[in-house]
Amino acid sequence: MSEKVYTKNAPDAIGPYTQAVKAAGLVFTSGQIAIDPLTGNVEADTIEGQTEQVMKNLGAILDEAGTSFDKAVKTVCFLADMGDFAAFNEVYGKYFTGKPARSCVAVKTLPKNVLVEVEVIAEQ
């Protein structure tokens, strides 16, 4: 049986999905983009600023689910421009110090034309 996770400290879903789901001892987050939950807007226009906001959003969701970045086992990262890979990695590495498994791909477009989206699977 699964349990939905919701926190007001991360942006509301912009479609028919939930922020995260707990199931089978794991937490599966939906992809998070750089929306500030207080304003509902994308506030940063750099890959570093957007990645920081994504990590804040993920941190709030993981915290609400009773887990943390340290318990992440897999991430999937989407970049609008692979030229941002090094700058993205600098910010990402500050949060995912346990070095979970990861996929990172370039995509043509992300929701709201952001530069980055990240989803996480973590142990509870």
PDB file of N, CA and C in Angstrom:
ATOM      1  N   MET A   1       0.843  -1.180   0.000  1.00  0.00           N
ATOM      2  CA  MET A   1       0.000   0.000   0.000  1.00  0.00           C
ATOM      3  C   MET A   1       0.891   1.247   0.000  1.00  0.00           C
ATOM      4  N   SER A   2       0.516   2.246  -0.752  1.00  0.00           N
ATOM      5  CA  SER A   2       1.320   3.456  -0.849  1.00  0.00           C
ATOM      6  C   SER A   2       0.666   4.604  -0.084  1.00  0.00           C
ATOM      7  N   GLU A   3       1.492   5.595   0.221  1.00  0.00           N
ATOM      8  CA  GLU A   3       1.035   6.779   0.955  1.00  0.00           C
ATOM      9  C   GLU A   3       1.560   8.018   0.238  1.00  0.00           C
ATOM     10  N   LYS A   4       0.683   8.949  -0.044  1.00  0.00           N
ATOM     11  CA  LYS A   4       1.092  10.196  -0.687  1.00  0.00           C
ATOM     12  C   LYS A   4       1.790  11.099   0.319  1.00  0.00           C
ATOM     13  N   VAL A   5       2.749  11.879  -0.171  1.00  0.00           N
ATOM     14  CA  VAL A   5       3.494  12.819   0.654  1.00  0.00           C
ATOM     15  C   VAL A   5       3.194  14.219   0.141  1.00  0.00           C
ATOM     16  N   TYR A   6       2.903  15.134   1.059  1.00  0.00           N
ATOM     17  CA  TYR A   6       2.661  16.529   0.678  1.00  0.00           C
ATOM     18  C   TYR A   6       3.254  17.451   1.731  1.00  0.00           C
ATOM     19  N   THR A   7       3.914  18.516   1.278  1.00  0.00           N
ATOM     20  CA  THR A   7       4.376  19.583   2.157  1.00  0.00           C
ATOM     21  C   THR A   7       4.131  20.920   1.486  1.00  0.00           C
ATOM     22  N   LYS A   8       3.753  21.900   2.280  1.00  0.00           N
ATOM     23  CA  LYS A   8       3.578  23.258   1.748  1.00  0.00           C
ATOM     24  C   LYS A   8       4.934  23.925   1.513  1.00  0.00           C
ATOM     25  N   ASN A   9       6.016  23.290   1.964  1.00  0.00           N
ATOM     26  CA  ASN A   9       7.366  23.845   1.804  1.00  0.00           C
ATOM     27  C   ASN A   9       8.006  23.506   0.464  1.00  0.00           C
ATOM     28  N   ALA A  10       7.234  22.878  -0.401  1.00  0.00           N
ATOM     29  CA  ALA A  10       7.649  22.604  -1.780  1.00  0.00           C
ATOM     30  C   ALA A  10       6.470  23.001  -2.663  1.00  0.00           C
ATOM     31  N   PRO A  11       6.724  23.262  -3.935  1.00  0.00           N
ATOM     32  CA  PRO A  11       5.630  23.697  -4.801  1.00  0.00           C
ATOM     33  C   PRO A  11       4.561  22.625  -4.978  1.00  0.00           C
ATOM     34  N   ASP A  12       3.335  23.083  -5.126  1.00  0.00           N
ATOM     35  CA  ASP A  12       2.248  22.166  -5.454  1.00  0.00           C
ATOM     36  C   ASP A  12       2.505  21.567  -6.826  1.00  0.00           C
ATOM     37  N   ALA A  13       1.982  20.375  -7.033  1.00  0.00           N
ATOM     38  CA  ALA A  13       2.090  19.737  -8.336  1.00  0.00           C
ATOM     39  C   ALA A  13       1.391  20.610  -9.382  1.00  0.00           C
ATOM     40  N   ILE A  14       1.970  20.672 -10.573  1.00  0.00           N
ATOM     41  CA  ILE A  14       1.363  21.475 -11.639  1.00  0.00           C
ATOM     42  C   ILE A  14       0.608  20.593 -12.633  1.00  0.00           C
ATOM     43  N   GLY A  15       0.258  19.401 -12.182  1.00  0.00           N
ATOM     44  CA  GLY A  15      -0.483  18.464 -13.005  1.00  0.00           C
ATOM     45  C   GLY A  15      -1.116  17.398 -12.133  1.00  0.00           C
ATOM     46  N   PRO A  16      -1.630  16.336 -12.733  1.00  0.00           N
ATOM     47  CA  PRO A  16      -2.314  15.282 -11.985  1.00  0.00           C
ATOM     48  C   PRO A  16      -1.336  14.272 -11.369  1.00  0.00           C
ATOM     49  N   TYR A  17      -0.557  14.750 -10.414  1.00  0.00           N
ATOM     50  CA  TYR A  17       0.402  13.890  -9.707  1.00  0.00           C
ATOM     51  C   TYR A  17       0.629  14.468  -8.319  1.00  0.00           C
ATOM     52  N   THR A  18       1.370  13.753  -7.494  1.00  0.00           N
ATOM     53  CA  THR A  18       1.661  14.177  -6.133  1.00  0.00           C
ATOM     54  C   THR A  18       3.151  14.464  -5.988  1.00  0.00           C
ATOM     55  N   GLN A  19       3.529  15.186  -4.937  1.00  0.00           N
ATOM     56  CA  GLN A  19       4.937  15.522  -4.728  1.00  0.00           C
ATOM     57  C   GLN A  19       5.799  14.281  -4.554  1.00  0.00           C
ATOM     58  N   ALA A  20       5.271  13.293  -3.846  1.00  0.00           N
ATOM     59  CA  ALA A  20       6.014  12.045  -3.623  1.00  0.00           C
ATOM     60  C   ALA A  20       5.057  10.971  -3.143  1.00  0.00           C
ATOM     61  N   VAL A  21       5.555   9.733  -3.212  1.00  0.00           N
ATOM     62  CA  VAL A  21       4.806   8.576  -2.737  1.00  0.00           C
ATOM     63  C   VAL A  21       5.758   7.697  -1.941  1.00  0.00           C
ATOM     64  N   LYS A  22       5.266   7.214  -0.796  1.00  0.00           N
ATOM     65  CA  LYS A  22       6.001   6.223  -0.014  1.00  0.00           C
ATOM     66  C   LYS A  22       5.421   4.851  -0.340  1.00  0.00           C
ATOM     67  N   ALA A  23       6.281   3.906  -0.652  1.00  0.00           N
ATOM     68  CA  ALA A  23       5.843   2.541  -0.934  1.00  0.00           C
ATOM     69  C   ALA A  23       7.014   1.588  -0.748  1.00  0.00           C
ATOM     70  N   ALA A  24       6.742   0.435  -0.179  1.00  0.00           N
ATOM     71  CA  ALA A  24       7.735  -0.639  -0.043  1.00  0.00           C
ATOM     72  C   ALA A  24       9.037  -0.167   0.605  1.00  0.00           C
ATOM     73  N   GLY A  25       8.926   0.717   1.603  1.00  0.00           N
ATOM     74  CA  GLY A  25      10.111   1.187   2.314  1.00  0.00           C
ATOM     75  C   GLY A  25      10.920   2.230   1.576  1.00  0.00           C
ATOM     76  N   LEU A  26      10.391   2.726   0.453  1.00  0.00           N
ATOM     77  CA  LEU A  26      11.073   3.740  -0.349  1.00  0.00           C
ATOM     78  C   LEU A  26      10.205   4.972  -0.505  1.00  0.00           C
ATOM     79  N   VAL A  27      10.856   6.081  -0.807  1.00  0.00           N
ATOM     80  CA  VAL A  27      10.165   7.324  -1.145  1.00  0.00           C
ATOM     81  C   VAL A  27      10.526   7.649  -2.588  1.00  0.00           C
ATOM     82  N   PHE A  28       9.514   7.875  -3.403  1.00  0.00           N
ATOM     83  CA  PHE A  28       9.679   8.223  -4.808  1.00  0.00           C
ATOM     84  C   PHE A  28       9.183   9.650  -4.993  1.00  0.00           C
ATOM     85  N   THR A  29      10.081  10.591  -5.257  1.00  0.00           N
ATOM     86  CA  THR A  29       9.628  11.957  -5.485  1.00  0.00           C
ATOM     87  C   THR A  29       9.275  12.131  -6.956  1.00  0.00           C
ATOM     88  N   SER A  30       8.343  13.024  -7.193  1.00  0.00           N
ATOM     89  CA  SER A  30       8.111  13.477  -8.560  1.00  0.00           C
ATOM     90  C   SER A  30       9.271  14.391  -8.918  1.00  0.00           C
ATOM     91  N   GLY A  31       9.484  14.604 -10.198  1.00  0.00           N
ATOM     92  CA  GLY A  31      10.526  15.526 -10.622  1.00  0.00           C
ATOM     93  C   GLY A  31      10.244  16.919 -10.080  1.00  0.00           C
ATOM     94  N   GLN A  32      11.254  17.542  -9.522  1.00  0.00           N
ATOM     95  CA  GLN A  32      11.108  18.885  -8.976  1.00  0.00           C
ATOM     96  C   GLN A  32      11.839  19.885  -9.861  1.00  0.00           C
ATOM     97  N   ILE A  33      11.172  21.001 -10.095  1.00  0.00           N
ATOM     98  CA  ILE A  33      11.777  22.086 -10.844  1.00  0.00           C
ATOM     99  C   ILE A  33      11.952  23.280  -9.919  1.00  0.00           C
ATOM    100  N   ALA A  34      12.506  24.346 -10.435  1.00  0.00           N
ATOM    101  CA  ALA A  34      12.930  25.481  -9.608  1.00  0.00           C
ATOM    102  C   ALA A  34      11.807  26.469  -9.309  1.00  0.00           C
ATOM    103  N   ILE A  35      10.664  25.964  -8.877  1.00  0.00           N
ATOM    104  CA  ILE A  35       9.571  26.846  -8.473  1.00  0.00           C
ATOM    105  C   ILE A  35       9.718  27.148  -6.996  1.00  0.00           C
ATOM    106  N   ASP A  36       9.679  28.416  -6.642  1.00  0.00           N
ATOM    107  CA  ASP A  36       9.695  28.833  -5.244  1.00  0.00           C
ATOM    108  C   ASP A  36       8.290  28.586  -4.684  1.00  0.00           C
ATOM    109  N   PRO A  37       8.156  27.769  -3.611  1.00  0.00           N
ATOM    110  CA  PRO A  37       6.822  27.460  -3.102  1.00  0.00           C
ATOM    111  C   PRO A  37       6.095  28.675  -2.522  1.00  0.00           C
ATOM    112  N   LEU A  38       6.817  29.701  -2.129  1.00  0.00           N
ATOM    113  CA  LEU A  38       6.176  30.900  -1.573  1.00  0.00           C
ATOM    114  C   LEU A  38       5.550  31.776  -2.644  1.00  0.00           C
ATOM    115  N   THR A  39       6.201  31.869  -3.790  1.00  0.00           N
ATOM    116  CA  THR A  39       5.702  32.757  -4.844  1.00  0.00           C
ATOM    117  C   THR A  39       5.029  32.014  -5.986  1.00  0.00           C
ATOM    118  N   GLY A  40       5.356  30.731  -6.140  1.00  0.00           N
ATOM    119  CA  GLY A  40       4.835  29.962  -7.266  1.00  0.00           C
ATOM    120  C   GLY A  40       5.542  30.275  -8.574  1.00  0.00           C
ATOM    121  N   ASN A  41       6.643  31.023  -8.492  1.00  0.00           N
ATOM    122  CA  ASN A  41       7.382  31.432  -9.690  1.00  0.00           C
ATOM    123  C   ASN A  41       8.772  30.811  -9.729  1.00  0.00           C
ATOM    124  N   VAL A  42       9.344  30.793 -10.916  1.00  0.00           N
ATOM    125  CA  VAL A  42      10.748  30.447 -11.087  1.00  0.00           C
ATOM    126  C   VAL A  42      11.515  31.738 -10.845  1.00  0.00           C
ATOM    127  N   GLU A  43      12.271  31.798  -9.761  1.00  0.00           N
ATOM    128  CA  GLU A  43      12.926  33.040  -9.352  1.00  0.00           C
ATOM    129  C   GLU A  43      14.341  33.188  -9.901  1.00  0.00           C
ATOM    130  N   ALA A  44      15.017  32.086 -10.157  1.00  0.00           N
ATOM    131  CA  ALA A  44      16.419  32.137 -10.601  1.00  0.00           C
ATOM    132  C   ALA A  44      16.497  31.912 -12.102  1.00  0.00           C
ATOM    133  N   ASP A  45      17.509  32.504 -12.729  1.00  0.00           N
ATOM    134  CA  ASP A  45      17.670  32.305 -14.168  1.00  0.00           C
ATOM    135  C   ASP A  45      19.003  31.656 -14.528  1.00  0.00           C
ATOM    136  N   THR A  46      19.750  31.212 -13.524  1.00  0.00           N
ATOM    137  CA  THR A  46      21.011  30.504 -13.773  1.00  0.00           C
ATOM    138  C   THR A  46      20.853  29.041 -13.380  1.00  0.00           C
ATOM    139  N   ILE A  47      21.676  28.181 -13.927  1.00  0.00           N
ATOM    140  CA  ILE A  47      21.624  26.762 -13.575  1.00  0.00           C
ATOM    141  C   ILE A  47      21.934  26.574 -12.090  1.00  0.00           C
ATOM    142  N   GLU A  48      22.866  27.341 -11.556  1.00  0.00           N
ATOM    143  CA  GLU A  48      23.212  27.220 -10.130  1.00  0.00           C
ATOM    144  C   GLU A  48      22.020  27.603  -9.250  1.00  0.00           C
ATOM    145  N   GLY A  49      21.404  28.745  -9.548  1.00  0.00           N
ATOM    146  CA  GLY A  49      20.268  29.209  -8.759  1.00  0.00           C
ATOM    147  C   GLY A  49      19.079  28.272  -8.858  1.00  0.00           C
ATOM    148  N   GLN A  50      18.816  27.783 -10.062  1.00  0.00           N
ATOM    149  CA  GLN A  50      17.699  26.859 -10.229  1.00  0.00           C
ATOM    150  C   GLN A  50      17.973  25.524  -9.547  1.00  0.00           C
ATOM    151  N   THR A  51      19.195  25.036  -9.622  1.00  0.00           N
ATOM    152  CA  THR A  51      19.529  23.773  -8.966  1.00  0.00           C
ATOM    153  C   THR A  51      19.398  23.912  -7.450  1.00  0.00           C
ATOM    154  N   GLU A  52      19.823  25.036  -6.896  1.00  0.00           N
ATOM    155  CA  GLU A  52      19.647  25.275  -5.449  1.00  0.00           C
ATOM    156  C   GLU A  52      18.171  25.207  -5.071  1.00  0.00           C
ATOM    157  N   GLN A  53      17.296  25.817  -5.857  1.00  0.00           N
ATOM    158  CA  GLN A  53      15.870  25.797  -5.548  1.00  0.00           C
ATOM    159  C   GLN A  53      15.312  24.390  -5.674  1.00  0.00           C
ATOM    160  N   VAL A  54      15.738  23.666  -6.692  1.00  0.00           N
ATOM    161  CA  VAL A  54      15.307  22.271  -6.843  1.00  0.00           C
ATOM    162  C   VAL A  54      15.701  21.473  -5.600  1.00  0.00           C
ATOM    163  N   MET A  55      16.924  21.658  -5.116  1.00  0.00           N
ATOM    164  CA  MET A  55      17.387  20.919  -3.943  1.00  0.00           C
ATOM    165  C   MET A  55      16.602  21.314  -2.688  1.00  0.00           C
ATOM    166  N   LYS A  56      16.263  22.592  -2.550  1.00  0.00           N
ATOM    167  CA  LYS A  56      15.422  23.017  -1.419  1.00  0.00           C
ATOM    168  C   LYS A  56      14.068  22.317  -1.485  1.00  0.00           C
ATOM    169  N   ASN A  57      13.486  22.266  -2.680  1.00  0.00           N
ATOM    170  CA  ASN A  57      12.191  21.615  -2.843  1.00  0.00           C
ATOM    171  C   ASN A  57      12.283  20.124  -2.518  1.00  0.00           C
ATOM    172  N   LEU A  58      13.303  19.461  -3.053  1.00  0.00           N
ATOM    173  CA  LEU A  58      13.487  18.041  -2.767  1.00  0.00           C
ATOM    174  C   LEU A  58      13.736  17.805  -1.281  1.00  0.00           C
ATOM    175  N   GLY A  59      14.551  18.639  -0.663  1.00  0.00           N
ATOM    176  CA  GLY A  59      14.842  18.501   0.766  1.00  0.00           C
ATOM    177  C   GLY A  59      13.585  18.593   1.609  1.00  0.00           C
ATOM    178  N   ALA A  60      12.686  19.523   1.262  1.00  0.00           N
ATOM    179  CA  ALA A  60      11.430  19.680   2.002  1.00  0.00           C
ATOM    180  C   ALA A  60      10.550  18.441   1.853  1.00  0.00           C
ATOM    181  N   ILE A  61      10.495  17.900   0.656  1.00  0.00           N
ATOM    182  CA  ILE A  61       9.681  16.706   0.412  1.00  0.00           C
ATOM    183  C   ILE A  61      10.276  15.500   1.130  1.00  0.00           C
ATOM    184  N   LEU A  62      11.569  15.312   1.010  1.00  0.00           N
ATOM    185  CA  LEU A  62      12.219  14.189   1.686  1.00  0.00           C
ATOM    186  C   LEU A  62      12.034  14.288   3.194  1.00  0.00           C
ATOM    187  N   ASP A  63      12.165  15.484   3.743  1.00  0.00           N
ATOM    188  CA  ASP A  63      11.970  15.698   5.172  1.00  0.00           C
ATOM    189  C   ASP A  63      10.540  15.332   5.584  1.00  0.00           C
ATOM    190  N   GLU A  64       9.573  15.788   4.823  1.00  0.00           N
ATOM    191  CA  GLU A  64       8.170  15.474   5.126  1.00  0.00           C
ATOM    192  C   GLU A  64       7.931  13.966   5.078  1.00  0.00           C
ATOM    193  N   ALA A  65       8.640  13.275   4.208  1.00  0.00           N
ATOM    194  CA  ALA A  65       8.500  11.818   4.065  1.00  0.00           C
ATOM    195  C   ALA A  65       9.290  11.052   5.123  1.00  0.00           C
ATOM    196  N   GLY A  66      10.050  11.770   5.941  1.00  0.00           N
ATOM    197  CA  GLY A  66      10.825  11.117   6.996  1.00  0.00           C
ATOM    198  C   GLY A  66      12.149  10.558   6.533  1.00  0.00           C
ATOM    199  N   THR A  67      12.699  11.141   5.484  1.00  0.00           N
ATOM    200  CA  THR A  67      13.981  10.668   4.975  1.00  0.00           C
ATOM    201  C   THR A  67      14.851  11.881   4.639  1.00  0.00           C
ATOM    202  N   SER A  68      15.946  11.657   3.910  1.00  0.00           N
ATOM    203  CA  SER A  68      16.868  12.760   3.636  1.00  0.00           C
ATOM    204  C   SER A  68      17.704  12.459   2.387  1.00  0.00           C
ATOM    205  N   PHE A  69      18.476  13.445   1.975  1.00  0.00           N
ATOM    206  CA  PHE A  69      19.396  13.262   0.852  1.00  0.00           C
ATOM    207  C   PHE A  69      20.352  12.100   1.112  1.00  0.00           C
ATOM    208  N   ASP A  70      20.762  11.911   2.370  1.00  0.00           N
ATOM    209  CA  ASP A  70      21.713  10.850   2.718  1.00  0.00           C
ATOM    210  C   ASP A  70      21.166   9.455   2.457  1.00  0.00           C
ATOM    211  N   LYS A  71      19.845   9.324   2.396  1.00  0.00           N
ATOM    212  CA  LYS A  71      19.231   8.013   2.178  1.00  0.00           C
ATOM    213  C   LYS A  71      18.829   7.797   0.719  1.00  0.00           C
ATOM    214  N   ALA A  72      19.211   8.723  -0.144  1.00  0.00           N
ATOM    215  CA  ALA A  72      18.900   8.575  -1.570  1.00  0.00           C
ATOM    216  C   ALA A  72      19.657   7.393  -2.155  1.00  0.00           C
ATOM    217  N   VAL A  73      18.972   6.605  -2.972  1.00  0.00           N
ATOM    218  CA  VAL A  73      19.619   5.477  -3.636  1.00  0.00           C
ATOM    219  C   VAL A  73      19.704   5.681  -5.142  1.00  0.00           C
ATOM    220  N   LYS A  74      18.878   6.570  -5.688  1.00  0.00           N
ATOM    221  CA  LYS A  74      18.868   6.809  -7.138  1.00  0.00           C
ATOM    222  C   LYS A  74      18.289   8.194  -7.411  1.00  0.00           C
ATOM    223  N   THR A  75      18.896   8.895  -8.350  1.00  0.00           N
ATOM    224  CA  THR A  75      18.336  10.147  -8.834  1.00  0.00           C
ATOM    225  C   THR A  75      18.270  10.096 -10.357  1.00  0.00           C
ATOM    226  N   VAL A  76      17.344  10.854 -10.884  1.00  0.00           N
ATOM    227  CA  VAL A  76      17.257  11.060 -12.330  1.00  0.00           C
ATOM    228  C   VAL A  76      17.247  12.567 -12.532  1.00  0.00           C
ATOM    229  N   CYS A  77      18.183  13.050 -13.335  1.00  0.00           N
ATOM    230  CA  CYS A  77      18.372  14.482 -13.538  1.00  0.00           C
ATOM    231  C   CYS A  77      18.160  14.822 -15.008  1.00  0.00           C
ATOM    232  N   PHE A  78      17.442  15.897 -15.239  1.00  0.00           N
ATOM    233  CA  PHE A  78      17.156  16.358 -16.591  1.00  0.00           C
ATOM    234  C   PHE A  78      17.705  17.766 -16.744  1.00  0.00           C
ATOM    235  N   LEU A  79      18.522  17.985 -17.761  1.00  0.00           N
ATOM    236  CA  LEU A  79      19.088  19.301 -18.036  1.00  0.00           C
ATOM    237  C   LEU A  79      18.617  19.777 -19.398  1.00  0.00           C
ATOM    238  N   ALA A  80      18.281  21.058 -19.477  1.00  0.00           N
ATOM    239  CA  ALA A  80      17.886  21.635 -20.758  1.00  0.00           C
ATOM    240  C   ALA A  80      19.097  21.813 -21.666  1.00  0.00           C
ATOM    241  N   ASP A  81      20.292  21.892 -21.065  1.00  0.00           N
ATOM    242  CA  ASP A  81      21.520  22.102 -21.832  1.00  0.00           C
ATOM    243  C   ASP A  81      22.656  21.338 -21.149  1.00  0.00           C
ATOM    244  N   MET A  82      23.203  20.352 -21.813  1.00  0.00           N
ATOM    245  CA  MET A  82      24.280  19.572 -21.221  1.00  0.00           C
ATOM    246  C   MET A  82      25.530  20.418 -20.994  1.00  0.00           C
ATOM    247  N   GLY A  83      25.583  21.589 -21.590  1.00  0.00           N
ATOM    248  CA  GLY A  83      26.659  22.525 -21.307  1.00  0.00           C
ATOM    249  C   GLY A  83      26.642  23.010 -19.860  1.00  0.00           C
ATOM    250  N   ASP A  84      25.512  22.829 -19.159  1.00  0.00           N
ATOM    251  CA  ASP A  84      25.375  23.206 -17.748  1.00  0.00           C
ATOM    252  C   ASP A  84      25.795  22.087 -16.806  1.00  0.00           C
ATOM    253  N   PHE A  85      26.256  20.968 -17.352  1.00  0.00           N
ATOM    254  CA  PHE A  85      26.544  19.773 -16.547  1.00  0.00           C
ATOM    255  C   PHE A  85      27.505  20.056 -15.387  1.00  0.00           C
ATOM    256  N   ALA A  86      28.616  20.701 -15.644  1.00  0.00           N
ATOM    257  CA  ALA A  86      29.619  20.948 -14.585  1.00  0.00           C
ATOM    258  C   ALA A  86      29.054  21.849 -13.493  1.00  0.00           C
ATOM    259  N   ALA A  87      28.376  22.920 -13.871  1.00  0.00           N
ATOM    260  CA  ALA A  87      27.805  23.843 -12.877  1.00  0.00           C
ATOM    261  C   ALA A  87      26.704  23.138 -12.076  1.00  0.00           C
ATOM    262  N   PHE A  88      25.896  22.334 -12.751  1.00  0.00           N
ATOM    263  CA  PHE A  88      24.859  21.555 -12.064  1.00  0.00           C
ATOM    264  C   PHE A  88      25.505  20.604 -11.056  1.00  0.00           C
ATOM    265  N   ASN A  89      26.551  19.896 -11.465  1.00  0.00           N
ATOM    266  CA  ASN A  89      27.234  18.939 -10.589  1.00  0.00           C
ATOM    267  C   ASN A  89      27.776  19.595  -9.327  1.00  0.00           C
ATOM    268  N   GLU A  90      28.272  20.824  -9.448  1.00  0.00           N
ATOM    269  CA  GLU A  90      28.813  21.542  -8.280  1.00  0.00           C
ATOM    270  C   GLU A  90      27.747  21.678  -7.196  1.00  0.00           C
ATOM    271  N   VAL A  91      26.554  22.086  -7.577  1.00  0.00           N
ATOM    272  CA  VAL A  91      25.465  22.261  -6.607  1.00  0.00           C
ATOM    273  C   VAL A  91      24.942  20.893  -6.156  1.00  0.00           C
ATOM    274  N   TYR A  92      24.681  20.013  -7.102  1.00  0.00           N
ATOM    275  CA  TYR A  92      24.170  18.672  -6.804  1.00  0.00           C
ATOM    276  C   TYR A  92      25.056  17.973  -5.764  1.00  0.00           C
ATOM    277  N   GLY A  93      26.359  18.051  -5.946  1.00  0.00           N
ATOM    278  CA  GLY A  93      27.306  17.365  -5.072  1.00  0.00           C
ATOM    279  C   GLY A  93      27.285  17.843  -3.633  1.00  0.00           C
ATOM    280  N   LYS A  94      26.837  19.062  -3.389  1.00  0.00           N
ATOM    281  CA  LYS A  94      26.724  19.573  -2.016  1.00  0.00           C
ATOM    282  C   LYS A  94      25.596  18.875  -1.258  1.00  0.00           C
ATOM    283  N   TYR A  95      24.616  18.386  -1.959  1.00  0.00           N
ATOM    284  CA  TYR A  95      23.442  17.772  -1.342  1.00  0.00           C
ATOM    285  C   TYR A  95      23.519  16.252  -1.327  1.00  0.00           C
ATOM    286  N   PHE A  96      23.937  15.655  -2.419  1.00  0.00           N
ATOM    287  CA  PHE A  96      23.991  14.202  -2.525  1.00  0.00           C
ATOM    288  C   PHE A  96      25.403  13.712  -2.232  1.00  0.00           C
ATOM    289  N   THR A  97      25.829  13.897  -0.986  1.00  0.00           N
ATOM    290  CA  THR A  97      27.185  13.533  -0.586  1.00  0.00           C
ATOM    291  C   THR A  97      27.389  12.023  -0.532  1.00  0.00           C
ATOM    292  N   GLY A  98      26.305  11.257  -0.414  1.00  0.00           N
ATOM    293  CA  GLY A  98      26.402   9.798  -0.383  1.00  0.00           C
ATOM    294  C   GLY A  98      26.552   9.173  -1.761  1.00  0.00           C
ATOM    295  N   LYS A  99      26.510  10.004  -2.792  1.00  0.00           N
ATOM    296  CA  LYS A  99      26.704   9.572  -4.180  1.00  0.00           C
ATOM    297  C   LYS A  99      25.785   8.409  -4.580  1.00  0.00           C
ATOM    298  N   PRO A 100      24.463   8.670  -4.632  1.00  0.00           N
ATOM    299  CA  PRO A 100      23.557   7.615  -5.091  1.00  0.00           C
ATOM    300  C   PRO A 100      23.758   7.319  -6.573  1.00  0.00           C
ATOM    301  N   ALA A 101      23.179   6.228  -7.044  1.00  0.00           N
ATOM    302  CA  ALA A 101      23.164   5.956  -8.482  1.00  0.00           C
ATOM    303  C   ALA A 101      22.435   7.126  -9.153  1.00  0.00           C
ATOM    304  N   ARG A 102      22.807   7.418 -10.409  1.00  0.00           N
ATOM    305  CA  ARG A 102      22.213   8.585 -11.063  1.00  0.00           C
ATOM    306  C   ARG A 102      22.185   8.419 -12.569  1.00  0.00           C
ATOM    307  N   SER A 103      21.140   8.938 -13.151  1.00  0.00           N
ATOM    308  CA  SER A 103      21.072   9.139 -14.595  1.00  0.00           C
ATOM    309  C   SER A 103      20.944  10.639 -14.802  1.00  0.00           C
ATOM    310  N   CYS A 104      21.596  11.166 -15.833  1.00  0.00           N
ATOM    311  CA  CYS A 104      21.510  12.594 -16.146  1.00  0.00           C
ATOM    312  C   CYS A 104      21.423  12.717 -17.658  1.00  0.00           C
ATOM    313  N   VAL A 105      20.337  13.289 -18.119  1.00  0.00           N
ATOM    314  CA  VAL A 105      20.116  13.392 -19.557  1.00  0.00           C
ATOM    315  C   VAL A 105      19.752  14.817 -19.942  1.00  0.00           C
ATOM    316  N   ALA A 106      20.052  15.162 -21.176  1.00  0.00           N
ATOM    317  CA  ALA A 106      19.619  16.442 -21.735  1.00  0.00           C
ATOM    318  C   ALA A 106      18.269  16.233 -22.394  1.00  0.00           C
ATOM    319  N   VAL A 107      17.393  17.196 -22.215  1.00  0.00           N
ATOM    320  CA  VAL A 107      16.057  17.139 -22.813  1.00  0.00           C
ATOM    321  C   VAL A 107      15.820  18.419 -23.595  1.00  0.00           C
ATOM    322  N   LYS A 108      14.888  18.363 -24.502  1.00  0.00           N
ATOM    323  CA  LYS A 108      14.624  19.530 -25.351  1.00  0.00           C
ATOM    324  C   LYS A 108      14.009  20.685 -24.561  1.00  0.00           C
ATOM    325  N   THR A 109      13.002  20.380 -23.749  1.00  0.00           N
ATOM    326  CA  THR A 109      12.295  21.412 -22.988  1.00  0.00           C
ATOM    327  C   THR A 109      11.812  20.815 -21.674  1.00  0.00           C
ATOM    328  N   LEU A 110      11.823  21.630 -20.628  1.00  0.00           N
ATOM    329  CA  LEU A 110      11.287  21.236 -19.330  1.00  0.00           C
ATOM    330  C   LEU A 110      10.092  22.127 -18.994  1.00  0.00           C
ATOM    331  N   PRO A 111       9.221  21.699 -18.072  1.00  0.00           N
ATOM    332  CA  PRO A 111       8.076  22.535 -17.701  1.00  0.00           C
ATOM    333  C   PRO A 111       8.511  23.943 -17.290  1.00  0.00           C
ATOM    334  N   LYS A 112       7.727  24.909 -17.695  1.00  0.00           N
ATOM    335  CA  LYS A 112       7.980  26.328 -17.383  1.00  0.00           C
ATOM    336  C   LYS A 112       9.324  26.812 -17.921  1.00  0.00           C
ATOM    337  N   ASN A 113       9.876  26.077 -18.885  1.00  0.00           N
ATOM    338  CA  ASN A 113      11.156  26.417 -19.516  1.00  0.00           C
ATOM    339  C   ASN A 113      12.310  26.542 -18.525  1.00  0.00           C
ATOM    340  N   VAL A 114      12.274  25.734 -17.456  1.00  0.00           N
ATOM    341  CA  VAL A 114      13.373  25.742 -16.493  1.00  0.00           C
ATOM    342  C   VAL A 114      14.579  25.040 -17.090  1.00  0.00           C
ATOM    343  N   LEU A 115      15.696  25.143 -16.396  1.00  0.00           N
ATOM    344  CA  LEU A 115      16.955  24.584 -16.866  1.00  0.00           C
ATOM    345  C   LEU A 115      17.244  23.187 -16.324  1.00  0.00           C
ATOM    346  N   VAL A 116      16.542  22.800 -15.231  1.00  0.00           N
ATOM    347  CA  VAL A 116      16.866  21.539 -14.556  1.00  0.00           C
ATOM    348  C   VAL A 116      15.626  20.974 -13.855  1.00  0.00           C
ATOM    349  N   GLU A 117      15.573  19.648 -13.822  1.00  0.00           N
ATOM    350  CA  GLU A 117      14.563  18.912 -13.053  1.00  0.00           C
ATOM    351  C   GLU A 117      15.251  17.696 -12.464  1.00  0.00           C
ATOM    352  N   VAL A 118      14.900  17.351 -11.205  1.00  0.00           N
ATOM    353  CA  VAL A 118      15.520  16.207 -10.529  1.00  0.00           C
ATOM    354  C   VAL A 118      14.444  15.432  -9.789  1.00  0.00           C
ATOM    355  N   GLU A 119      14.517  14.111  -9.884  1.00  0.00           N
ATOM    356  CA  GLU A 119      13.661  13.236  -9.078  1.00  0.00           C
ATOM    357  C   GLU A 119      14.551  12.304  -8.264  1.00  0.00           C
ATOM    358  N   VAL A 120      14.016  11.817  -7.149  1.00  0.00           N
ATOM    359  CA  VAL A 120      14.806  11.025  -6.201  1.00  0.00           C
ATOM    360  C   VAL A 120      14.036   9.785  -5.761  1.00  0.00           C
ATOM    361  N   ILE A 121      14.759   8.708  -5.578  1.00  0.00           N
ATOM    362  CA  ILE A 121      14.251   7.535  -4.864  1.00  0.00           C
ATOM    363  C   ILE A 121      15.141   7.397  -3.632  1.00  0.00           C
ATOM    364  N   ALA A 122      14.516   7.347  -2.446  1.00  0.00           N
ATOM    365  CA  ALA A 122      15.270   7.275  -1.199  1.00  0.00           C
ATOM    366  C   ALA A 122      14.673   6.205  -0.275  1.00  0.00           C
ATOM    367  N   GLU A 123      15.525   5.652   0.549  1.00  0.00           N
ATOM    368  CA  GLU A 123      15.043   4.742   1.587  1.00  0.00           C
ATOM    369  C   GLU A 123      14.352   5.560   2.678  1.00  0.00           C
ATOM    370  N   GLN A 124      13.345   4.933   3.310  1.00  0.00           N
ATOM    371  CA  GLN A 124      12.652   5.638   4.399  1.00  0.00           C
ATOM    372  C   GLN A 124      13.473   5.612   5.660  1.00  0.00           C
TER     373      GLN A 124
END
